[in-house]
C-alpha atoms as a PDB file:
ATOM      1  CA  MET A   1     158.457 124.203  56.858  1.00  0.00           C
ATOM      2  CA  ARG A   2     158.577 126.288  60.630  1.00  0.00           C
ATOM      3  CA  ILE A   3     161.261 126.097  63.198  1.00  0.00           C
ATOM      4  CA  PRO A   4     160.788 126.113  67.143  1.00  0.00           C
ATOM      5  CA  ALA A   5     161.041 130.128  68.111  1.00  0.00           C
ATOM      6  CA  ARG A   6     163.833 128.807  69.897  1.00  0.00           C
ATOM      7  CA  PHE A   7     165.640 127.642  67.309  1.00  0.00           C
ATOM      8  CA  ALA A   8     165.668 131.089  65.263  1.00  0.00           C
ATOM      9  CA  PRO A   9     168.684 133.481  66.655  1.00  0.00           C
ATOM     10  CA  ILE A  10     170.958 130.500  65.867  1.00  0.00           C
ATOM     11  CA  VAL A  11     169.007 129.858  61.957  1.00  0.00           C
ATOM     12  CA  PHE A  12     169.145 133.537  61.499  1.00  0.00           C
ATOM     13  CA  SER A  13     173.052 133.170  62.512  1.00  0.00           C
ATOM     14  CA  ALA A  14     173.754 130.709  59.932  1.00  0.00           C
ATOM     15  CA  LEU A  15     171.739 131.891  56.777  1.00  0.00           C
ATOM     16  CA  LEU A  16     173.211 135.646  57.434  1.00  0.00           C
ATOM     17  CA  SER A  17     177.029 134.245  57.900  1.00  0.00           C
ATOM     18  CA  ALA A  18     177.301 132.206  55.204  1.00  0.00           C
ATOM     19  CA  ILE A  19     175.289 134.530  52.789  1.00  0.00           C
ATOM     20  CA  MET A  20     177.105 137.162  53.857  1.00  0.00           C
ATOM     21  CA  VAL A  21     180.708 134.699  53.272  1.00  0.00           C
ATOM     22  CA  CYS A  22     179.391 134.626  50.062  1.00  0.00           C
ATOM     23  CA  ILE A  23     179.097 137.258  49.242  1.00  0.00           C
ATOM     24  CA  VAL A  24     182.003 139.073  50.421  1.00  0.00           C
ATOM     25  CA  SER A  25     184.247 136.447  49.672  1.00  0.00           C
ATOM     26  CA  GLY A  26     183.125 136.468  46.089  1.00  0.00           C
ATOM     27  CA  PHE A  27     183.198 140.376  46.478  1.00  0.00           C
ATOM     28  CA  VAL A  28     187.269 139.747  47.157  1.00  0.00           C
ATOM     29  CA  LEU A  29     187.571 137.128  45.728  1.00  0.00           C
ATOM     30  CA  THR A  30     186.849 138.929  41.925  1.00  0.00           C
ATOM     31  CA  THR A  31     188.575 142.188  42.475  1.00  0.00           C
ATOM     32  CA  THR A  32     191.435 141.513  43.311  1.00  0.00           C
ATOM     33  CA  GLN A  33     192.345 138.314  41.013  1.00  0.00           C
ATOM     34  CA  GLY A  34     189.512 138.804  38.323  1.00  0.00           C
ATOM     35  CA  PHE A  35     186.880 135.585  36.975  1.00  0.00           C
ATOM     36  CA  HIS A  36     190.135 132.867  36.097  1.00  0.00           C
ATOM     37  CA  SER A  37     188.983 128.670  35.602  1.00  0.00           C
ATOM     38  CA  GLY A  38     189.322 128.478  38.905  1.00  0.00           C
ATOM     39  CA  LEU A  39     188.056 130.616  41.141  1.00  0.00           C
ATOM     40  CA  ALA A  40     183.970 128.790  41.588  1.00  0.00           C
ATOM     41  CA  MET A  41     186.872 126.256  43.410  1.00  0.00           C
ATOM     42  CA  GLN A  42     188.963 128.670  45.139  1.00  0.00           C
ATOM     43  CA  TRP A  43     185.287 130.901  46.043  1.00  0.00           C
ATOM     44  CA  LEU A  44     183.773 128.044  47.752  1.00  0.00           C
ATOM     45  CA  ARG A  45     187.204 127.103  49.805  1.00  0.00           C
ATOM     46  CA  SER A  46     187.256 130.786  50.860  1.00  0.00           C
ATOM     47  CA  CYS A  47     183.491 130.225  52.004  1.00  0.00           C
ATOM     48  CA  ALA A  48     184.164 126.560  53.471  1.00  0.00           C
ATOM     49  CA  THR A  49     187.116 128.124  55.280  1.00  0.00           C
ATOM     50  CA  THR A  50     185.422 131.934  56.967  1.00  0.00           C
ATOM     51  CA  TRP A  51     181.544 130.748  57.717  1.00  0.00           C
ATOM     52  CA  PRO A  52     183.049 128.619  60.666  1.00  0.00           C
ATOM     53  CA  VAL A  53     184.369 132.118  61.969  1.00  0.00           C
ATOM     54  CA  ALA A  54     181.612 134.256  60.793  1.00  0.00           C
ATOM     55  CA  PHE A  55     178.810 132.493  61.923  1.00  0.00           C
ATOM     56  CA  PRO A  56     179.783 131.970  66.003  1.00  0.00           C
ATOM     57  CA  THR A  57     180.378 135.846  65.135  1.00  0.00           C
ATOM     58  CA  VAL A  58     177.470 136.863  63.998  1.00  0.00           C
ATOM     59  CA  ALA A  59     175.159 134.811  66.975  1.00  0.00           C
ATOM     60  CA  ILE A  60     177.625 136.868  69.578  1.00  0.00           C
ATOM     61  CA  VAL A  61     177.021 139.345  67.470  1.00  0.00           C
ATOM     62  CA  ALA A  62     173.497 140.654  66.964  1.00  0.00           C
ATOM     63  CA  PRO A  63     172.177 140.008  70.239  1.00  0.00           C
ATOM     64  CA  MET A  64     174.810 143.133  71.197  1.00  0.00           C
ATOM     65  CA  VAL A  65     173.197 144.710  67.645  1.00  0.00           C
ATOM     66  CA  ARG A  66     169.878 144.881  69.474  1.00  0.00           C
ATOM     67  CA  ASN A  67     170.682 145.667  72.127  1.00  0.00           C
ATOM     68  CA  ILE A  68     171.887 149.181  70.831  1.00  0.00           C
ATOM     69  CA  ILE A  69     169.683 149.197  69.125  1.00  0.00           C
ATOM     70  CA  GLY A  70     166.393 149.396  71.231  1.00  0.00           C
ATOM     71  CA  ARG A  71     168.436 151.439  73.415  1.00  0.00           C
ATOM     72  CA  ILE A  72     168.487 154.599  70.542  1.00  0.00           C
ATOM     73  CA  PRO A  73     165.613 156.904  71.394  1.00  0.00           C
ATOM     74  CA  ALA A  74     163.074 157.545  68.690  1.00  0.00           C
END
């Protein structure tokens, strides 16, 4: 399935932020609390509450980072 090119930055931001939120929240929860019976639900709740912050952040910051990287001479 292909998406129109105009939606690529939004899909990129959504996927990148979702992956990052899942990895980071899982890491933080397991390192601070260890493995326990309620970890999966706590992890899902953490992902659900932090992704709405991460998604617009990535959507706003990624173009700025691309711009900065583009200015670095090769």
